[in-house]
C-alpha atoms as a PDB file:
ATOM      1  CA  MET A   1      40.029  32.784  31.025  1.00  0.00           C
ATOM      2  CA  LYS A   2      43.354  32.342  29.266  1.00  0.00           C
ATOM      3  CA  ASN A   3      43.612  29.934  26.345  1.00  0.00           C
ATOM      4  CA  SER A   4      45.619  26.757  26.740  1.00  0.00           C
ATOM      5  CA  TYR A   5      47.907  25.638  23.936  1.00  0.00           C
ATOM      6  CA  TYR A   6      50.283  22.900  22.925  1.00  0.00           C
ATOM      7  CA  ILE A   7      53.113  22.634  20.403  1.00  0.00           C
ATOM      8  CA  LYS A   8      53.627  19.858  17.855  1.00  0.00           C
ATOM      9  CA  ASP A   9      56.064  19.901  14.907  1.00  0.00           C
ATOM     10  CA  ASP A  10      56.876  23.644  15.247  1.00  0.00           C
ATOM     11  CA  VAL A  11      53.161  24.581  15.156  1.00  0.00           C
ATOM     12  CA  ALA A  12      51.312  25.967  18.177  1.00  0.00           C
ATOM     13  CA  TYR A  13      47.687  24.910  18.607  1.00  0.00           C
ATOM     14  CA  ILE A  14      45.690  27.417  20.675  1.00  0.00           C
ATOM     15  CA  GLU A  15      42.412  26.133  22.138  1.00  0.00           C
ATOM     16  CA  ILE A  16      39.489  28.534  21.769  1.00  0.00           C
ATOM     17  CA  VAL A  17      36.256  27.580  23.522  1.00  0.00           C
ATOM     18  CA  SER A  18      33.072  28.867  21.888  1.00  0.00           C
ATOM     19  CA  LYS A  19      29.510  27.727  22.618  1.00  0.00           C
ATOM     20  CA  GLY A  20      30.727  24.598  24.378  1.00  0.00           C
ATOM     21  CA  GLN A  21      33.021  23.532  21.512  1.00  0.00           C
ATOM     22  CA  ILE A  22      36.814  23.661  21.338  1.00  0.00           C
ATOM     23  CA  PHE A  23      38.355  25.151  18.187  1.00  0.00           C
ATOM     24  CA  LEU A  24      42.075  25.071  17.412  1.00  0.00           C
ATOM     25  CA  ALA A  25      43.791  28.138  16.027  1.00  0.00           C
ATOM     26  CA  THR A  26      47.271  27.504  14.656  1.00  0.00           C
ATOM     27  CA  VAL A  27      50.369  29.680  14.462  1.00  0.00           C
ATOM     28  CA  ASP A  28      54.028  28.943  13.910  1.00  0.00           C
ATOM     29  CA  GLU A  29      55.805  28.301  17.204  1.00  0.00           C
ATOM     30  CA  ALA A  30      58.108  31.245  16.420  1.00  0.00           C
ATOM     31  CA  ASP A  31      55.070  33.583  16.460  1.00  0.00           C
ATOM     32  CA  LEU A  32      53.758  32.580  19.901  1.00  0.00           C
ATOM     33  CA  ASP A  33      55.339  35.625  21.541  1.00  0.00           C
ATOM     34  CA  LYS A  34      53.694  37.932  18.955  1.00  0.00           C
ATOM     35  CA  ILE A  35      50.177  36.745  19.691  1.00  0.00           C
ATOM     36  CA  GLN A  36      50.786  36.952  23.466  1.00  0.00           C
ATOM     37  CA  VAL A  37      48.927  33.690  24.093  1.00  0.00           C
ATOM     38  CA  GLY A  38      49.652  33.822  27.823  1.00  0.00           C
ATOM     39  CA  ASP A  39      48.540  37.452  28.251  1.00  0.00           C
ATOM     40  CA  LYS A  40      45.454  37.698  26.032  1.00  0.00           C
ATOM     41  CA  THR A  41      42.218  35.749  25.864  1.00  0.00           C
ATOM     42  CA  TRP A  42      41.300  34.640  22.347  1.00  0.00           C
ATOM     43  CA  TRP A  43      37.731  34.071  21.197  1.00  0.00           C
ATOM     44  CA  LEU A  44      35.904  33.518  17.889  1.00  0.00           C
ATOM     45  CA  CYS A  45      34.484  36.427  15.925  1.00  0.00           C
ATOM     46  CA  GLY A  46      33.110  35.561  12.483  1.00  0.00           C
ATOM     47  CA  GLY A  47      35.250  32.428  12.499  1.00  0.00           C
ATOM     48  CA  TYR A  48      38.488  34.382  13.127  1.00  0.00           C
ATOM     49  CA  ALA A  49      40.553  34.404  16.333  1.00  0.00           C
ATOM     50  CA  ARG A  50      40.266  37.787  18.043  1.00  0.00           C
ATOM     51  CA  THR A  51      40.958  39.355  21.431  1.00  0.00           C
ATOM     52  CA  HIS A  52      38.400  41.368  23.407  1.00  0.00           C
ATOM     53  CA  ASP A  53      40.291  44.565  22.578  1.00  0.00           C
ATOM     54  CA  GLY A  54      39.753  43.994  18.844  1.00  0.00           C
ATOM     55  CA  ILE A  55      43.110  42.549  17.801  1.00  0.00           C
ATOM     56  CA  TRP A  56      43.018  39.830  15.121  1.00  0.00           C
ATOM     57  CA  MET A  57      45.448  36.916  15.429  1.00  0.00           C
ATOM     58  CA  HIS A  58      46.452  37.007  11.736  1.00  0.00           C
ATOM     59  CA  SER A  59      47.315  40.714  12.072  1.00  0.00           C
ATOM     60  CA  LEU A  60      49.713  40.016  14.942  1.00  0.00           C
ATOM     61  CA  VAL A  61      51.402  37.219  12.979  1.00  0.00           C
ATOM     62  CA  LEU A  62      51.893  39.489   9.969  1.00  0.00           C
ATOM     63  CA  LYS A  63      53.034  42.484  12.054  1.00  0.00           C
ATOM     64  CA  GLY A  64      56.796  42.715  12.111  1.00  0.00           C
ATOM     65  CA  ASN A  65      57.220  40.137   9.368  1.00  0.00           C
ATOM     66  CA  ILE A  66      58.088  40.865   5.748  1.00  0.00           C
ATOM     67  CA  MET A  67      54.379  41.175   5.008  1.00  0.00           C
ATOM     68  CA  ARG A  68      53.101  44.439   6.484  1.00  0.00           C
ATOM     69  CA  HIS A  69      49.677  46.007   6.221  1.00  0.00           C
ATOM     70  CA  ARG A  70      49.383  48.865   3.733  1.00  0.00           C
ATOM     71  CA  PRO A  71      46.302  50.913   2.835  1.00  0.00           C
ATOM     72  CA  GLY A  72      43.942  48.841   0.672  1.00  0.00           C
ATOM     73  CA  ILE A  73      45.871  45.627   1.371  1.00  0.00           C
ATOM     74  CA  LYS A  74      44.216  42.956   3.531  1.00  0.00           C
ATOM     75  CA  PRO A  75      45.411  39.673   4.985  1.00  0.00           C
ATOM     76  CA  ASP A  76      44.083  36.532   3.335  1.00  0.00           C
ATOM     77  CA  HIS A  77      44.094  32.903   4.485  1.00  0.00           C
ATOM     78  CA  ILE A  78      45.239  30.878   1.459  1.00  0.00           C
ATOM     79  CA  ASP A  79      43.357  27.714   2.464  1.00  0.00           C
ATOM     80  CA  ARG A  80      40.337  29.856   3.505  1.00  0.00           C
ATOM     81  CA  TYR A  81      40.439  28.341   7.025  1.00  0.00           C
ATOM     82  CA  LYS A  82      40.223  31.406   9.260  1.00  0.00           C
ATOM     83  CA  LEU A  83      41.989  29.831  12.240  1.00  0.00           C
ATOM     84  CA  ASN A  84      45.102  28.718  10.311  1.00  0.00           C
ATOM     85  CA  ASN A  85      47.410  31.632  11.091  1.00  0.00           C
ATOM     86  CA  CYS A  86      50.713  30.007  10.133  1.00  0.00           C
ATOM     87  CA  ARG A  87      52.904  32.293   8.031  1.00  0.00           C
ATOM     88  CA  SER A  88      52.822  29.842   5.121  1.00  0.00           C
ATOM     89  CA  ASN A  89      49.013  30.232   4.991  1.00  0.00           C
ATOM     90  CA  LEU A  90      48.868  34.040   5.158  1.00  0.00           C
ATOM     91  CA  ARG A  91      49.381  36.543   2.372  1.00  0.00           C
ATOM     92  CA  LEU A  92      48.409  40.122   1.683  1.00  0.00           C
ATOM     93  CA  THR A  93      46.011  40.825  -1.170  1.00  0.00           C
ATOM     94  CA  GLN A  94      44.234  43.843  -2.601  1.00  0.00           C
ATOM     95  CA  HIS A  95      40.907  42.044  -2.822  1.00  0.00           C
ATOM     96  CA  ASN A  96      40.026  38.812  -1.048  1.00  0.00           C
ATOM     97  CA  ALA A  97      37.175  38.000  -3.473  1.00  0.00           C
ATOM     98  CA  LYS A  98      39.750  36.218  -5.646  1.00  0.00           C
ATOM     99  CA  ASN A  99      40.011  33.542  -2.970  1.00  0.00           C
ATOM    100  CA  THR A 100      36.306  32.921  -2.412  1.00  0.00           C
ATOM    101  CA  GLY A 101      34.545  29.640  -2.926  1.00  0.00           C
ATOM    102  CA  LEU A 102      31.782  28.854  -5.392  1.00  0.00           C
ATOM    103  CA  ARG A 103      28.708  31.044  -5.489  1.00  0.00           C
ATOM    104  CA  LYS A 104      25.492  29.420  -4.284  1.00  0.00           C
ATOM    105  CA  ASP A 105      23.944  29.732  -7.750  1.00  0.00           C
ATOM    106  CA  ASN A 106      26.909  28.068  -9.517  1.00  0.00           C
ATOM    107  CA  LYS A 107      25.645  25.116 -11.587  1.00  0.00           C
ATOM    108  CA  THR A 108      28.898  23.873 -13.134  1.00  0.00           C
ATOM    109  CA  GLY A 109      30.769  23.231  -9.878  1.00  0.00           C
ATOM    110  CA  LEU A 110      33.755  25.223 -11.191  1.00  0.00           C
ATOM    111  CA  LYS A 111      34.665  28.817 -10.426  1.00  0.00           C
ATOM    112  CA  GLY A 112      34.683  31.131 -13.440  1.00  0.00           C
ATOM    113  CA  VAL A 113      32.742  28.669 -15.639  1.00  0.00           C
ATOM    114  CA  GLN A 114      29.187  29.039 -16.933  1.00  0.00           C
ATOM    115  CA  PHE A 115      27.101  26.906 -19.295  1.00  0.00           C
ATOM    116  CA  TYR A 116      25.238  28.564 -22.186  1.00  0.00           C
ATOM    117  CA  LYS A 117      22.230  26.612 -23.423  1.00  0.00           C
ATOM    118  CA  ALA A 118      22.059  28.572 -26.694  1.00  0.00           C
ATOM    119  CA  THR A 119      25.482  27.372 -27.832  1.00  0.00           C
ATOM    120  CA  GLY A 120      25.734  24.211 -25.736  1.00  0.00           C
ATOM    121  CA  LYS A 121      29.222  25.311 -24.652  1.00  0.00           C
ATOM    122  CA  TYR A 122      30.942  26.339 -21.450  1.00  0.00           C
ATOM    123  CA  ARG A 123      32.305  29.854 -21.114  1.00  0.00           C
ATOM    124  CA  ALA A 124      35.285  30.712 -18.913  1.00  0.00           C
ATOM    125  CA  ARG A 125      35.755  34.254 -17.654  1.00  0.00           C
ATOM    126  CA  ILE A 126      37.750  36.139 -15.038  1.00  0.00           C
ATOM    127  CA  MET A 127      37.682  39.610 -13.504  1.00  0.00           C
ATOM    128  CA  ILE A 128      40.901  41.605 -13.969  1.00  0.00           C
ATOM    129  CA  ASP A 129      41.024  45.009 -12.294  1.00  0.00           C
ATOM    130  CA  GLY A 130      37.218  45.199 -12.376  1.00  0.00           C
ATOM    131  CA  ILE A 131      36.947  44.252 -16.056  1.00  0.00           C
ATOM    132  CA  ASP A 132      35.248  41.014 -17.108  1.00  0.00           C
ATOM    133  CA  LYS A 133      37.588  39.137 -19.484  1.00  0.00           C
ATOM    134  CA  SER A 134      36.292  36.222 -21.546  1.00  0.00           C
ATOM    135  CA  LEU A 135      38.675  33.286 -21.713  1.00  0.00           C
ATOM    136  CA  GLY A 136      36.794  31.474 -24.460  1.00  0.00           C
ATOM    137  CA  HIS A 137      34.064  28.901 -25.075  1.00  0.00           C
ATOM    138  CA  PHE A 138      34.700  25.187 -24.552  1.00  0.00           C
ATOM    139  CA  ASP A 139      32.963  21.887 -25.220  1.00  0.00           C
ATOM    140  CA  CYS A 140      33.927  20.525 -21.797  1.00  0.00           C
ATOM    141  CA  LYS A 141      33.489  22.297 -18.457  1.00  0.00           C
ATOM    142  CA  TYR A 142      36.874  20.980 -17.285  1.00  0.00           C
ATOM    143  CA  GLU A 143      38.627  22.617 -20.252  1.00  0.00           C
ATOM    144  CA  ALA A 144      36.935  25.901 -19.294  1.00  0.00           C
ATOM    145  CA  GLY A 145      37.988  25.356 -15.658  1.00  0.00           C
ATOM    146  CA  ARG A 146      41.595  24.829 -16.703  1.00  0.00           C
ATOM    147  CA  ALA A 147      41.468  28.066 -18.735  1.00  0.00           C
ATOM    148  CA  TYR A 148      40.230  29.885 -15.615  1.00  0.00           C
ATOM    149  CA  THR A 149      42.998  28.331 -13.502  1.00  0.00           C
ATOM    150  CA  ARG A 150      45.675  29.369 -16.036  1.00  0.00           C
ATOM    151  CA  ALA A 151      44.266  32.916 -15.967  1.00  0.00           C
ATOM    152  CA  CYS A 152      44.412  32.940 -12.140  1.00  0.00           C
ATOM    153  CA  LEU A 153      48.069  31.990 -12.322  1.00  0.00           C
ATOM    154  CA  LYS A 154      48.770  34.671 -14.936  1.00  0.00           C
ATOM    155  CA  TYR A 155      46.692  37.588 -13.629  1.00  0.00           C
ATOM    156  CA  HIS A 156      46.188  36.953  -9.893  1.00  0.00           C
ATOM    157  CA  ASN A 157      49.478  35.310  -8.822  1.00  0.00           C
ATOM    158  CA  GLY A 158      47.703  32.006  -8.267  1.00  0.00           C
ATOM    159  CA  ILE A 159      44.972  33.370  -5.983  1.00  0.00           C
ATOM    160  CA  GLY A 160      41.729  31.545  -6.750  1.00  0.00           C
ATOM    161  CA  VAL A 161      43.307  28.526  -8.435  1.00  0.00           C
ATOM    162  CA  GLN A 162      41.001  25.521  -8.242  1.00  0.00           C
ATOM    163  CA  ARG A 163      41.610  21.807  -8.452  1.00  0.00           C
ATOM    164  CA  ILE A 164      40.189  20.357 -11.666  1.00  0.00           C
ATOM    165  CA  PRO A 165      39.356  16.648 -11.504  1.00  0.00           C
ATOM    166  CA  ILE A 166      40.735  14.410 -14.215  1.00  0.00           C
ATOM    167  CA  LYS A 167      37.960  13.215 -16.491  1.00  0.00           C
ATOM    168  CA  LEU A 168      38.260   9.477 -17.000  1.00  0.00           C
ATOM    169  CA  LYS A 169      36.852   7.884 -20.165  1.00  0.00           C
END
């Protein structure tokens, strides 16, 4: 069964039916011919859009564009939504772990921030090329979170940046 699609505001929405539900994968209208929406059947595999012959939708969007696959480089969805395959949401990274969400055991609610009972302070840290770098100890978890975000901008080209809420007095 071929997937139906519609176009709105230069974005193509491809309907993928899985387990009785309809999911929408998105691509730029200009990339419709690359993903061969009329010739291939798309289905969900691990939350990603994929054909039965093993082709991933994000790979077809990237193929032929400025961003090309290289050994050790993988595509990454900036907003972490696996079906958003618009060019503005795709980038190539060496390690996608920089764009992961919070760990299940995170107690501060902020990535890269831990609380130390012994000192009563929050510690910010970041991994850079496999080395754990301390960013300092802070009285407020939001200060530590901002230090982590600044480090993401400096060392990881903005990958992993988080939104820090404003603390109101």
